[in-house]
Amino acid sequence: QVQLVESGGGLVQAGGSLRLSCAASGSIFKVNAMGWYRQAPGKQRELVALIRSSGSTVYADSVKGRFTVTRDSAKSTVFLQMNSLKPEDTAVYYCYANIAIGERSSNYWGQGTQVTVSS
């Protein structure tokens, strides 16, 4: 069993910064990828940023140049540094991980953390 525990959400003014953290724990053989999705009210969940085991990253166009995803592989932890926040970044942010347990890989999700950006 794998658990993802997030922290770091909150309320910030436009132009401000927040840092999200997510730690994976449990019977982890290998973390293939970790990252963040978000879901705003009335909208579908969307990818924000992802970092693979190779170190390569993927970002949504809307956050490129403002958000940075990093990881601490030894601690199975992923971070999302969010700068120059905009009101449209307001959403529940979910940690995501694709983790191998033995020879099988599965997707896991955190419980979500609210990020609210005021104008």
Protein backbone atom coordinates (compact mmCIF):
# COMPACT_ATOMS: atom_id res chain seq x y z
CA GLN A 1 0.00 0.00 0.00
CA VAL A 2 1.23 3.47 -0.94
CA GLN A 3 0.20 6.77 0.56
CA LEU A 4 0.82 10.28 -0.73
CA VAL A 5 0.76 13.06 1.83
CA GLU A 6 0.64 16.65 0.61
CA SER A 7 1.37 19.91 2.35
CA GLY A 8 1.88 23.56 1.55
CA GLY A 9 -1.39 24.85 0.13
CA GLY A 10 -3.03 28.04 1.30
CA LEU A 11 -4.16 31.55 0.44
CA VAL A 12 -1.84 33.97 -1.32
CA GLN A 13 -2.18 37.24 -3.17
CA ALA A 14 -1.66 37.44 -6.90
CA GLY A 15 2.03 37.65 -7.69
CA GLY A 16 2.96 35.69 -4.61
CA SER A 17 4.54 32.27 -4.18
CA LEU A 18 3.72 28.93 -2.60
CA ARG A 19 5.58 25.66 -2.34
CA LEU A 20 3.78 22.34 -2.31
CA SER A 21 5.32 19.13 -1.02
CA CYS A 22 4.24 15.52 -1.41
CA ALA A 23 5.84 12.53 0.24
CA ALA A 24 5.19 8.95 -0.81
CA SER A 25 5.38 6.18 1.74
CA GLY A 26 4.71 2.47 1.81
CA SER A 27 5.95 -0.53 -0.12
CA ILE A 28 7.72 1.39 -2.87
CA PHE A 29 9.97 -0.49 -5.26
CA LYS A 30 10.50 2.35 -7.72
CA VAL A 31 8.95 5.75 -8.34
CA ASN A 32 8.48 6.03 -12.09
CA ALA A 33 7.05 9.55 -12.01
CA MET A 34 5.64 12.07 -9.58
CA GLY A 35 3.91 15.34 -10.11
CA TRP A 36 0.90 17.53 -9.67
CA TYR A 37 -2.54 17.88 -11.16
CA ARG A 38 -5.14 20.49 -10.30
CA GLN A 39 -8.88 20.83 -10.51
CA ALA A 40 -10.74 24.11 -10.38
CA PRO A 41 -14.49 24.26 -9.66
CA GLY A 42 -16.49 23.16 -12.66
CA LYS A 43 -13.40 22.09 -14.58
CA GLN A 44 -11.67 18.83 -15.33
CA ARG A 45 -8.55 17.76 -13.53
CA GLU A 46 -5.49 18.84 -15.51
CA LEU A 47 -1.79 18.12 -15.44
CA VAL A 48 0.30 20.89 -13.93
CA ALA A 49 3.79 19.40 -13.81
CA LEU A 50 5.43 16.00 -13.83
CA ILE A 51 8.94 14.74 -13.20
CA ARG A 52 10.00 11.30 -14.36
CA SER A 53 12.58 8.97 -12.83
CA SER A 54 14.96 10.10 -15.60
CA GLY A 55 14.66 13.66 -14.35
CA SER A 56 12.80 14.89 -17.40
CA THR A 57 9.89 17.22 -16.73
CA VAL A 58 6.58 18.13 -18.31
CA TYR A 59 4.66 21.34 -17.65
CA ALA A 60 1.29 22.68 -18.63
CA ASP A 61 1.68 25.65 -20.97
CA SER A 62 -0.17 27.85 -18.51
CA VAL A 63 2.50 27.39 -15.81
CA LYS A 64 5.70 27.28 -17.83
CA GLY A 65 8.21 29.79 -16.55
CA ARG A 66 6.33 30.25 -13.27
CA PHE A 67 6.20 26.77 -11.69
CA THR A 68 9.08 24.39 -11.07
CA VAL A 69 8.77 20.72 -10.16
CA THR A 70 11.63 19.04 -8.33
CA ARG A 71 12.15 15.87 -6.37
CA ASP A 72 14.11 14.28 -3.58
CA SER A 73 14.46 10.75 -4.91
CA ALA A 74 15.94 9.40 -1.70
CA LYS A 75 12.82 10.47 0.19
CA SER A 76 10.28 9.78 -2.60
CA THR A 77 9.19 13.38 -2.32
CA VAL A 78 8.14 15.84 -4.98
CA PHE A 79 7.91 19.60 -4.70
CA LEU A 80 6.12 22.26 -6.71
CA GLN A 81 7.47 25.78 -6.43
CA MET A 82 4.80 28.17 -7.66
CA ASN A 83 5.83 31.76 -8.38
CA SER A 84 3.99 34.70 -9.91
CA LEU A 85 0.70 33.12 -8.94
CA LYS A 86 -2.45 34.24 -10.71
CA PRO A 87 -6.10 34.02 -9.65
CA GLU A 88 -6.62 31.42 -12.38
CA ASP A 89 -4.19 29.13 -10.54
CA THR A 90 -6.81 28.73 -7.82
CA ALA A 91 -7.68 25.04 -7.57
CA VAL A 92 -7.30 21.92 -5.52
CA TYR A 93 -3.86 20.54 -6.26
CA TYR A 94 -3.43 16.77 -6.22
CA CYS A 95 -0.17 14.94 -5.90
CA TYR A 96 0.24 12.10 -8.38
CA ALA A 97 2.67 9.23 -8.50
CA ASN A 98 3.24 6.23 -10.71
CA ILE A 99 4.95 3.70 -8.50
CA ALA A 100 6.21 0.20 -9.09
CA ILE A 101 5.58 -2.38 -6.41
CA GLY A 102 7.42 -5.43 -7.57
CA GLU A 103 6.84 -5.77 -11.31
CA ARG A 104 3.52 -3.90 -11.39
CA SER A 105 3.09 -0.15 -11.65
CA SER A 106 0.04 1.75 -10.46
CA ASN A 107 -1.16 5.32 -10.20
CA TYR A 108 -1.67 6.90 -6.80
CA TRP A 109 -3.24 10.18 -5.73
CA GLY A 110 -2.98 12.42 -2.72
CA GLN A 111 -5.99 13.82 -0.91
CA GLY A 112 -5.59 17.27 -2.46
CA THR A 113 -4.56 20.63 -1.07
CA GLN A 114 -6.36 23.90 -1.73
CA VAL A 115 -4.50 26.76 -3.37
CA THR A 116 -6.35 30.07 -3.49
CA VAL A 117 -4.92 33.13 -5.21
CA SER A 118 -6.67 36.40 -4.51
CA SER A 119 -6.64 39.29 -6.94
